[in-house]
Amino acid sequence: MPIDKEQIKKDLIEDSNSILKDWNEPYEVDGISVMNMQGKTTFLGSLRVFDERNAPAIMREVESKLAKYGKLTVRDERIVPCCSARYTHISFNIVVDNS
């Protein structure tokens, strides 16, 4: 049975925003990128965490809640823009077999 890419995208957005809301973070995820490859689909998303004290806990939640979709990789990076508040950029990559 083929995977429902649109439903997974919707679920990933909802899960990501739920995590951010639980930690009172103002950022909202509005989209997830999808890359189609032979036999696999990769979903790419990112969150902005403005309170750096929340970043480790949010990363743990992302890892635990999003791993159910496929092979998950999570990364973080501190961003210091010139003209706005600094934040931690948490990105995730989920690879799902198309079978």
PDB file of N, CA and C in Angstrom:
ATOM      1  N   MET A   1       0.844  -1.182   0.000  1.00  0.00           N
ATOM      2  CA  MET A   1       0.000   0.000   0.000  1.00  0.00           C
ATOM      3  C   MET A   1       0.892   1.249   0.000  1.00  0.00           C
ATOM      4  N   PRO A   2       0.700   2.142  -0.965  1.00  0.00           N
ATOM      5  CA  PRO A   2       1.537   3.349  -1.016  1.00  0.00           C
ATOM      6  C   PRO A   2       1.265   4.284   0.172  1.00  0.00           C
ATOM      7  N   ILE A   3       2.290   5.048   0.523  1.00  0.00           N
ATOM      8  CA  ILE A   3       2.138   5.964   1.658  1.00  0.00           C
ATOM      9  C   ILE A   3       1.310   7.181   1.234  1.00  0.00           C
ATOM     10  N   ASP A   4       0.630   7.782   2.184  1.00  0.00           N
ATOM     11  CA  ASP A   4      -0.168   8.984   1.945  1.00  0.00           C
ATOM     12  C   ASP A   4       0.696  10.196   2.309  1.00  0.00           C
ATOM     13  N   LYS A   5       1.395  10.731   1.314  1.00  0.00           N
ATOM     14  CA  LYS A   5       2.348  11.818   1.551  1.00  0.00           C
ATOM     15  C   LYS A   5       1.673  13.063   2.106  1.00  0.00           C
ATOM     16  N   GLU A   6       0.515  13.398   1.591  1.00  0.00           N
ATOM     17  CA  GLU A   6      -0.186  14.596   2.058  1.00  0.00           C
ATOM     18  C   GLU A   6      -0.601  14.458   3.520  1.00  0.00           C
ATOM     19  N   GLN A   7      -1.036  13.275   3.906  1.00  0.00           N
ATOM     20  CA  GLN A   7      -1.434  13.064   5.302  1.00  0.00           C
ATOM     21  C   GLN A   7      -0.220  13.131   6.223  1.00  0.00           C
ATOM     22  N   ILE A   8       0.895  12.567   5.792  1.00  0.00           N
ATOM     23  CA  ILE A   8       2.114  12.628   6.604  1.00  0.00           C
ATOM     24  C   ILE A   8       2.561  14.081   6.749  1.00  0.00           C
ATOM     25  N   LYS A   9       2.538  14.864   5.657  1.00  0.00           N
ATOM     26  CA  LYS A   9       2.890  16.284   5.734  1.00  0.00           C
ATOM     27  C   LYS A   9       2.003  17.004   6.748  1.00  0.00           C
ATOM     28  N   LYS A  10       0.709  16.773   6.646  1.00  0.00           N
ATOM     29  CA  LYS A  10      -0.250  17.413   7.563  1.00  0.00           C
ATOM     30  C   LYS A  10       0.041  17.022   9.006  1.00  0.00           C
ATOM     31  N   ASP A  11       0.276  15.738   9.240  1.00  0.00           N
ATOM     32  CA  ASP A  11       0.567  15.251  10.596  1.00  0.00           C
ATOM     33  C   ASP A  11       1.876  15.840  11.136  1.00  0.00           C
ATOM     34  N   LEU A  12       2.895  15.947  10.291  1.00  0.00           N
ATOM     35  CA  LEU A  12       4.173  16.506  10.727  1.00  0.00           C
ATOM     36  C   LEU A  12       4.025  17.984  11.111  1.00  0.00           C
ATOM     37  N   ILE A  13       3.263  18.726  10.344  1.00  0.00           N
ATOM     38  CA  ILE A  13       3.017  20.135  10.668  1.00  0.00           C
ATOM     39  C   ILE A  13       2.276  20.244  11.991  1.00  0.00           C
ATOM     40  N   GLU A  14       1.225  19.435  12.162  1.00  0.00           N
ATOM     41  CA  GLU A  14       0.450  19.465  13.408  1.00  0.00           C
ATOM     42  C   GLU A  14       1.305  19.068  14.608  1.00  0.00           C
ATOM     43  N   ASP A  15       2.088  18.005  14.472  1.00  0.00           N
ATOM     44  CA  ASP A  15       2.948  17.551  15.574  1.00  0.00           C
ATOM     45  C   ASP A  15       3.995  18.611  15.924  1.00  0.00           C
ATOM     46  N   SER A  16       4.614  19.204  14.909  1.00  0.00           N
ATOM     47  CA  SER A  16       5.638  20.229  15.139  1.00  0.00           C
ATOM     48  C   SER A  16       5.044  21.438  15.856  1.00  0.00           C
ATOM     49  N   ASN A  17       3.892  21.903  15.388  1.00  0.00           N
ATOM     50  CA  ASN A  17       3.264  23.062  16.011  1.00  0.00           C
ATOM     51  C   ASN A  17       2.775  22.762  17.419  1.00  0.00           C
ATOM     52  N   SER A  18       2.341  21.550  17.648  1.00  0.00           N
ATOM     53  CA  SER A  18       1.914  21.146  18.990  1.00  0.00           C
ATOM     54  C   SER A  18       3.094  21.194  19.965  1.00  0.00           C
ATOM     55  N   ILE A  19       4.243  20.713  19.524  1.00  0.00           N
ATOM     56  CA  ILE A  19       5.443  20.743  20.363  1.00  0.00           C
ATOM     57  C   ILE A  19       5.810  22.192  20.691  1.00  0.00           C
ATOM     58  N   LEU A  20       5.833  23.055  19.675  1.00  0.00           N
ATOM     59  CA  LEU A  20       6.183  24.460  19.896  1.00  0.00           C
ATOM     60  C   LEU A  20       5.184  25.141  20.832  1.00  0.00           C
ATOM     61  N   LYS A  21       3.919  24.852  20.638  1.00  0.00           N
ATOM     62  CA  LYS A  21       2.878  25.456  21.481  1.00  0.00           C
ATOM     63  C   LYS A  21       3.035  25.010  22.933  1.00  0.00           C
ATOM     64  N   ASP A  22       3.332  23.736  23.150  1.00  0.00           N
ATOM     65  CA  ASP A  22       3.523  23.211  24.506  1.00  0.00           C
ATOM     66  C   ASP A  22       4.641  23.945  25.247  1.00  0.00           C
ATOM     67  N   TRP A  23       5.616  24.470  24.515  1.00  0.00           N
ATOM     68  CA  TRP A  23       6.745  25.174  25.115  1.00  0.00           C
ATOM     69  C   TRP A  23       6.612  26.692  24.983  1.00  0.00           C
ATOM     70  N   ASN A  24       5.434  27.165  24.612  1.00  0.00           N
ATOM     71  CA  ASN A  24       5.153  28.603  24.479  1.00  0.00           C
ATOM     72  C   ASN A  24       6.110  29.313  23.519  1.00  0.00           C
ATOM     73  N   GLU A  25       6.454  28.627  22.453  1.00  0.00           N
ATOM     74  CA  GLU A  25       7.300  29.230  21.420  1.00  0.00           C
ATOM     75  C   GLU A  25       6.391  29.886  20.371  1.00  0.00           C
ATOM     76  N   PRO A  26       6.726  31.101  19.914  1.00  0.00           N
ATOM     77  CA  PRO A  26       5.842  31.838  19.015  1.00  0.00           C
ATOM     78  C   PRO A  26       5.868  31.374  17.554  1.00  0.00           C
ATOM     79  N   TYR A  27       6.879  30.637  17.150  1.00  0.00           N
ATOM     80  CA  TYR A  27       7.013  30.233  15.750  1.00  0.00           C
ATOM     81  C   TYR A  27       5.992  29.154  15.399  1.00  0.00           C
ATOM     82  N   GLU A  28       5.490  29.202  14.161  1.00  0.00           N
ATOM     83  CA  GLU A  28       4.604  28.147  13.663  1.00  0.00           C
ATOM     84  C   GLU A  28       5.169  27.578  12.374  1.00  0.00           C
ATOM     85  N   VAL A  29       5.153  26.270  12.270  1.00  0.00           N
ATOM     86  CA  VAL A  29       5.575  25.584  11.055  1.00  0.00           C
ATOM     87  C   VAL A  29       4.408  25.662  10.071  1.00  0.00           C
ATOM     88  N   ASP A  30       4.678  26.153   8.858  1.00  0.00           N
ATOM     89  CA  ASP A  30       3.586  26.256   7.889  1.00  0.00           C
ATOM     90  C   ASP A  30       3.765  25.331   6.690  1.00  0.00           C
ATOM     91  N   GLY A  31       4.902  24.650   6.626  1.00  0.00           N
ATOM     92  CA  GLY A  31       5.104  23.736   5.512  1.00  0.00           C
ATOM     93  C   GLY A  31       6.203  22.727   5.774  1.00  0.00           C
ATOM     94  N   ILE A  32       6.117  21.626   5.063  1.00  0.00           N
ATOM     95  CA  ILE A  32       7.105  20.549   5.100  1.00  0.00           C
ATOM     96  C   ILE A  32       7.485  20.269   3.653  1.00  0.00           C
ATOM     97  N   SER A  33       8.773  20.171   3.367  1.00  0.00           N
ATOM     98  CA  SER A  33       9.225  19.853   2.013  1.00  0.00           C
ATOM     99  C   SER A  33       9.243  18.347   1.818  1.00  0.00           C
ATOM    100  N   VAL A  34       8.938  17.928   0.593  1.00  0.00           N
ATOM    101  CA  VAL A  34       8.910  16.504   0.255  1.00  0.00           C
ATOM    102  C   VAL A  34       9.818  16.265  -0.941  1.00  0.00           C
ATOM    103  N   MET A  35      10.718  15.295  -0.801  1.00  0.00           N
ATOM    104  CA  MET A  35      11.587  14.888  -1.907  1.00  0.00           C
ATOM    105  C   MET A  35      11.257  13.439  -2.247  1.00  0.00           C
ATOM    106  N   ASN A  36      10.899  13.205  -3.495  1.00  0.00           N
ATOM    107  CA  ASN A  36      10.579  11.861  -3.951  1.00  0.00           C
ATOM    108  C   ASN A  36      11.798  11.243  -4.614  1.00  0.00           C
ATOM    109  N   MET A  37      12.173  10.054  -4.139  1.00  0.00           N
ATOM    110  CA  MET A  37      13.283   9.319  -4.718  1.00  0.00           C
ATOM    111  C   MET A  37      12.780   7.905  -5.015  1.00  0.00           C
ATOM    112  N   GLN A  38      13.536   7.185  -5.771  1.00  0.00           N
ATOM    113  CA  GLN A  38      13.124   5.839  -6.125  1.00  0.00           C
ATOM    114  C   GLN A  38      13.014   4.972  -4.873  1.00  0.00           C
ATOM    115  N   GLY A  39      11.816   4.547  -4.560  1.00  0.00           N
ATOM    116  CA  GLY A  39      11.585   3.653  -3.435  1.00  0.00           C
ATOM    117  C   GLY A  39      11.468   4.335  -2.087  1.00  0.00           C
ATOM    118  N   LYS A  40      11.756   5.650  -2.016  1.00  0.00           N
ATOM    119  CA  LYS A  40      11.725   6.361  -0.733  1.00  0.00           C
ATOM    120  C   LYS A  40      11.180   7.772  -0.919  1.00  0.00           C
ATOM    121  N   THR A  41      10.643   8.298   0.157  1.00  0.00           N
ATOM    122  CA  THR A  41      10.218   9.697   0.197  1.00  0.00           C
ATOM    123  C   THR A  41      10.858  10.327   1.427  1.00  0.00           C
ATOM    124  N   THR A  42      11.404  11.526   1.263  1.00  0.00           N
ATOM    125  CA  THR A  42      12.031  12.233   2.370  1.00  0.00           C
ATOM    126  C   THR A  42      11.213  13.479   2.694  1.00  0.00           C
ATOM    127  N   PHE A  43      10.926  13.657   3.974  1.00  0.00           N
ATOM    128  CA  PHE A  43      10.194  14.822   4.470  1.00  0.00           C
ATOM    129  C   PHE A  43      11.181  15.683   5.248  1.00  0.00           C
ATOM    130  N   LEU A  44      11.220  16.976   4.927  1.00  0.00           N
ATOM    131  CA  LEU A  44      12.154  17.905   5.558  1.00  0.00           C
ATOM    132  C   LEU A  44      11.363  19.026   6.235  1.00  0.00           C
ATOM    133  N   GLY A  45      11.710  19.296   7.480  1.00  0.00           N
ATOM    134  CA  GLY A  45      11.031  20.359   8.206  1.00  0.00           C
ATOM    135  C   GLY A  45      11.971  21.052   9.153  1.00  0.00           C
ATOM    136  N   SER A  46      11.534  22.212   9.656  1.00  0.00           N
ATOM    137  CA  SER A  46      12.362  22.936  10.620  1.00  0.00           C
ATOM    138  C   SER A  46      11.503  23.740  11.575  1.00  0.00           C
ATOM    139  N   LEU A  47      12.060  23.946  12.761  1.00  0.00           N
ATOM    140  CA  LEU A  47      11.403  24.712  13.813  1.00  0.00           C
ATOM    141  C   LEU A  47      12.375  25.782  14.288  1.00  0.00           C
ATOM    142  N   ARG A  48      11.822  26.916  14.702  1.00  0.00           N
ATOM    143  CA  ARG A  48      12.636  27.963  15.318  1.00  0.00           C
ATOM    144  C   ARG A  48      12.275  28.030  16.789  1.00  0.00           C
ATOM    145  N   VAL A  49      13.298  27.939  17.626  1.00  0.00           N
ATOM    146  CA  VAL A  49      13.105  27.983  19.073  1.00  0.00           C
ATOM    147  C   VAL A  49      13.826  29.225  19.589  1.00  0.00           C
ATOM    148  N   PHE A  50      13.062  30.195  20.093  1.00  0.00           N
ATOM    149  CA  PHE A  50      13.636  31.469  20.506  1.00  0.00           C
ATOM    150  C   PHE A  50      14.170  31.441  21.935  1.00  0.00           C
ATOM    151  N   ASP A  51      13.598  30.619  22.793  1.00  0.00           N
ATOM    152  CA  ASP A  51      14.121  30.484  24.152  1.00  0.00           C
ATOM    153  C   ASP A  51      15.085  29.304  24.147  1.00  0.00           C
ATOM    154  N   GLU A  52      16.382  29.594  24.127  1.00  0.00           N
ATOM    155  CA  GLU A  52      17.375  28.525  23.969  1.00  0.00           C
ATOM    156  C   GLU A  52      17.344  27.502  25.096  1.00  0.00           C
ATOM    157  N   ARG A  53      16.790  27.877  26.242  1.00  0.00           N
ATOM    158  CA  ARG A  53      16.663  26.906  27.346  1.00  0.00           C
ATOM    159  C   ARG A  53      15.683  25.791  26.980  1.00  0.00           C
ATOM    160  N   ASN A  54      14.751  26.061  26.061  1.00  0.00           N
ATOM    161  CA  ASN A  54      13.764  25.063  25.641  1.00  0.00           C
ATOM    162  C   ASN A  54      14.298  24.123  24.559  1.00  0.00           C
ATOM    163  N   ALA A  55      15.349  24.518  23.872  1.00  0.00           N
ATOM    164  CA  ALA A  55      15.816  23.775  22.695  1.00  0.00           C
ATOM    165  C   ALA A  55      16.120  22.295  22.965  1.00  0.00           C
ATOM    166  N   PRO A  56      16.867  21.942  24.016  1.00  0.00           N
ATOM    167  CA  PRO A  56      17.145  20.509  24.225  1.00  0.00           C
ATOM    168  C   PRO A  56      15.875  19.675  24.447  1.00  0.00           C
ATOM    169  N   ALA A  57      14.941  20.198  25.227  1.00  0.00           N
ATOM    170  CA  ALA A  57      13.702  19.454  25.482  1.00  0.00           C
ATOM    171  C   ALA A  57      12.857  19.350  24.214  1.00  0.00           C
ATOM    172  N   ILE A  58      12.819  20.409  23.427  1.00  0.00           N
ATOM    173  CA  ILE A  58      12.055  20.371  22.179  1.00  0.00           C
ATOM    174  C   ILE A  58      12.681  19.372  21.214  1.00  0.00           C
ATOM    175  N   MET A  59      14.008  19.320  21.154  1.00  0.00           N
ATOM    176  CA  MET A  59      14.675  18.323  20.301  1.00  0.00           C
ATOM    177  C   MET A  59      14.308  16.907  20.723  1.00  0.00           C
ATOM    178  N   ARG A  60      14.293  16.664  22.039  1.00  0.00           N
ATOM    179  CA  ARG A  60      13.918  15.323  22.524  1.00  0.00           C
ATOM    180  C   ARG A  60      12.486  14.990  22.131  1.00  0.00           C
ATOM    181  N   GLU A  61      11.590  15.960  22.224  1.00  0.00           N
ATOM    182  CA  GLU A  61      10.195  15.715  21.841  1.00  0.00           C
ATOM    183  C   GLU A  61      10.072  15.452  20.344  1.00  0.00           C
ATOM    184  N   VAL A  62      10.792  16.217  19.544  1.00  0.00           N
ATOM    185  CA  VAL A  62      10.785  15.990  18.094  1.00  0.00           C
ATOM    186  C   VAL A  62      11.260  14.567  17.807  1.00  0.00           C
ATOM    187  N   GLU A  63      12.348  14.170  18.459  1.00  0.00           N
ATOM    188  CA  GLU A  63      12.883  12.821  18.243  1.00  0.00           C
ATOM    189  C   GLU A  63      11.885  11.740  18.651  1.00  0.00           C
ATOM    190  N   SER A  64      11.200  11.927  19.756  1.00  0.00           N
ATOM    191  CA  SER A  64      10.287  10.883  20.222  1.00  0.00           C
ATOM    192  C   SER A  64       8.961  10.873  19.455  1.00  0.00           C
ATOM    193  N   LYS A  65       8.440  12.039  19.091  1.00  0.00           N
ATOM    194  CA  LYS A  65       7.124  12.088  18.444  1.00  0.00           C
ATOM    195  C   LYS A  65       7.175  11.853  16.938  1.00  0.00           C
ATOM    196  N   LEU A  66       8.281  12.199  16.290  1.00  0.00           N
ATOM    197  CA  LEU A  66       8.323  12.092  14.834  1.00  0.00           C
ATOM    198  C   LEU A  66       8.993  10.819  14.337  1.00  0.00           C
ATOM    199  N   ALA A  67       9.625  10.067  15.205  1.00  0.00           N
ATOM    200  CA  ALA A  67      10.311   8.838  14.791  1.00  0.00           C
ATOM    201  C   ALA A  67       9.340   7.778  14.276  1.00  0.00           C
ATOM    202  N   LYS A  68       8.073   7.894  14.627  1.00  0.00           N
ATOM    203  CA  LYS A  68       7.088   6.881  14.211  1.00  0.00           C
ATOM    204  C   LYS A  68       6.846   6.875  12.697  1.00  0.00           C
ATOM    205  N   TYR A  69       7.249   7.945  12.003  1.00  0.00           N
ATOM    206  CA  TYR A  69       6.982   8.035  10.573  1.00  0.00           C
ATOM    207  C   TYR A  69       8.018   7.329   9.710  1.00  0.00           C
ATOM    208  N   GLY A  70       9.251   7.241  10.197  1.00  0.00           N
ATOM    209  CA  GLY A  70      10.312   6.630   9.406  1.00  0.00           C
ATOM    210  C   GLY A  70      11.663   6.894  10.048  1.00  0.00           C
ATOM    211  N   LYS A  71      12.731   6.744   9.259  1.00  0.00           N
ATOM    212  CA  LYS A  71      14.092   6.971   9.766  1.00  0.00           C
ATOM    213  C   LYS A  71      14.289   8.477   9.946  1.00  0.00           C
ATOM    214  N   LEU A  72      14.504   8.882  11.193  1.00  0.00           N
ATOM    215  CA  LEU A  72      14.550  10.292  11.567  1.00  0.00           C
ATOM    216  C   LEU A  72      15.970  10.749  11.868  1.00  0.00           C
ATOM    217  N   THR A  73      16.316  11.930  11.345  1.00  0.00           N
ATOM    218  CA  THR A  73      17.557  12.608  11.691  1.00  0.00           C
ATOM    219  C   THR A  73      17.189  14.013  12.149  1.00  0.00           C
ATOM    220  N   VAL A  74      17.726  14.428  13.303  1.00  0.00           N
ATOM    221  CA  VAL A  74      17.439  15.758  13.850  1.00  0.00           C
ATOM    222  C   VAL A  74      18.758  16.482  14.076  1.00  0.00           C
ATOM    223  N   ARG A  75      18.785  17.758  13.685  1.00  0.00           N
ATOM    224  CA  ARG A  75      19.978  18.590  13.875  1.00  0.00           C
ATOM    225  C   ARG A  75      19.558  19.925  14.476  1.00  0.00           C
ATOM    226  N   ASP A  76      20.496  20.577  15.148  1.00  0.00           N
ATOM    227  CA  ASP A  76      20.219  21.922  15.649  1.00  0.00           C
ATOM    228  C   ASP A  76      21.408  22.824  15.382  1.00  0.00           C
ATOM    229  N   GLU A  77      21.110  24.122  15.291  1.00  0.00           N
ATOM    230  CA  GLU A  77      22.147  25.115  15.043  1.00  0.00           C
ATOM    231  C   GLU A  77      21.670  26.444  15.629  1.00  0.00           C
ATOM    232  N   ARG A  78      22.561  27.126  16.297  1.00  0.00           N
ATOM    233  CA  ARG A  78      22.231  28.450  16.836  1.00  0.00           C
ATOM    234  C   ARG A  78      22.385  29.482  15.729  1.00  0.00           C
ATOM    235  N   ILE A  79      21.357  30.302  15.552  1.00  0.00           N
ATOM    236  CA  ILE A  79      21.349  31.324  14.510  1.00  0.00           C
ATOM    237  C   ILE A  79      21.339  32.704  15.171  1.00  0.00           C
ATOM    238  N   VAL A  80      22.232  33.576  14.726  1.00  0.00           N
ATOM    239  CA  VAL A  80      22.294  34.945  15.244  1.00  0.00           C
ATOM    240  C   VAL A  80      22.153  35.891  14.039  1.00  0.00           C
ATOM    241  N   PRO A  81      20.905  36.231  13.679  1.00  0.00           N
ATOM    242  CA  PRO A  81      20.707  37.150  12.554  1.00  0.00           C
ATOM    243  C   PRO A  81      21.098  38.580  12.927  1.00  0.00           C
ATOM    244  N   CYS A  82      21.381  39.382  11.948  1.00  0.00           N
ATOM    245  CA  CYS A  82      21.813  40.751  12.220  1.00  0.00           C
ATOM    246  C   CYS A  82      20.666  41.642  12.705  1.00  0.00           C
ATOM    247  N   CYS A  83      19.457  41.372  12.283  1.00  0.00           N
ATOM    248  CA  CYS A  83      18.367  42.335  12.510  1.00  0.00           C
ATOM    249  C   CYS A  83      17.163  41.764  13.256  1.00  0.00           C
ATOM    250  N   SER A  84      17.294  40.634  13.871  1.00  0.00           N
ATOM    251  CA  SER A  84      16.170  40.055  14.622  1.00  0.00           C
ATOM    252  C   SER A  84      16.709  39.197  15.767  1.00  0.00           C
ATOM    253  N   ALA A  85      15.793  38.653  16.537  1.00  0.00           N
ATOM    254  CA  ALA A  85      16.179  37.857  17.710  1.00  0.00           C
ATOM    255  C   ALA A  85      16.903  36.570  17.296  1.00  0.00           C
ATOM    256  N   ARG A  86      17.881  36.173  18.107  1.00  0.00           N
ATOM    257  CA  ARG A  86      18.568  34.914  17.824  1.00  0.00           C
ATOM    258  C   ARG A  86      17.652  33.752  18.207  1.00  0.00           C
ATOM    259  N   TYR A  87      17.934  32.601  17.609  1.00  0.00           N
ATOM    260  CA  TYR A  87      17.113  31.419  17.849  1.00  0.00           C
ATOM    261  C   TYR A  87      17.919  30.161  17.563  1.00  0.00           C
ATOM    262  N   THR A  88      17.356  29.042  17.996  1.00  0.00           N
ATOM    263  CA  THR A  88      17.935  27.739  17.664  1.00  0.00           C
ATOM    264  C   THR A  88      17.107  27.151  16.535  1.00  0.00           C
ATOM    265  N   HIS A  89      17.773  26.807  15.459  1.00  0.00           N
ATOM    266  CA  HIS A  89      17.111  26.205  14.298  1.00  0.00           C
ATOM    267  C   HIS A  89      17.199  24.690  14.452  1.00  0.00           C
ATOM    268  N   ILE A  90      16.048  24.044  14.603  1.00  0.00           N
ATOM    269  CA  ILE A  90      15.995  22.586  14.718  1.00  0.00           C
ATOM    270  C   ILE A  90      15.414  22.059  13.418  1.00  0.00           C
ATOM    271  N   SER A  91      16.194  21.251  12.716  1.00  0.00           N
ATOM    272  CA  SER A  91      15.715  20.692  11.454  1.00  0.00           C
ATOM    273  C   SER A  91      15.596  19.176  11.585  1.00  0.00           C
ATOM    274  N   PHE A  92      14.647  18.631  10.836  1.00  0.00           N
ATOM    275  CA  PHE A  92      14.499  17.182  10.823  1.00  0.00           C
ATOM    276  C   PHE A  92      14.342  16.687   9.398  1.00  0.00           C
ATOM    277  N   ASN A  93      14.725  15.440   9.224  1.00  0.00           N
ATOM    278  CA  ASN A  93      14.713  14.755   7.950  1.00  0.00           C
ATOM    279  C   ASN A  93      14.159  13.363   8.239  1.00  0.00           C
ATOM    280  N   ILE A  94      13.069  13.003   7.584  1.00  0.00           N
ATOM    281  CA  ILE A  94      12.456  11.684   7.798  1.00  0.00           C
ATOM    282  C   ILE A  94      12.399  10.958   6.467  1.00  0.00           C
ATOM    283  N   VAL A  95      13.001   9.788   6.415  1.00  0.00           N
ATOM    284  CA  VAL A  95      12.988   8.953   5.209  1.00  0.00           C
ATOM    285  C   VAL A  95      11.971   7.835   5.418  1.00  0.00           C
ATOM    286  N   VAL A  96      11.019   7.740   4.461  1.00  0.00           N
ATOM    287  CA  VAL A  96       9.960   6.737   4.538  1.00  0.00           C
ATOM    288  C   VAL A  96      10.045   5.862   3.294  1.00  0.00           C
ATOM    289  N   ASP A  97      10.031   4.550   3.491  1.00  0.00           N
ATOM    290  CA  ASP A  97       9.977   3.640   2.345  1.00  0.00           C
ATOM    291  C   ASP A  97       8.610   3.734   1.700  1.00  0.00           C
ATOM    292  N   ASN A  98       8.560   3.732   0.372  1.00  0.00           N
ATOM    293  CA  ASN A  98       7.291   3.880  -0.353  1.00  0.00           C
ATOM    294  C   ASN A  98       6.465   2.602  -0.423  1.00  0.00           C
ATOM    295  N   SER A  99       6.952   1.521   0.109  1.00  0.00           N
ATOM    296  CA  SER A  99       6.219   0.245   0.004  1.00  0.00           C
ATOM    297  C   SER A  99       5.057   0.154   0.962  1.00  0.00           C
TER     298      SER A  99
END
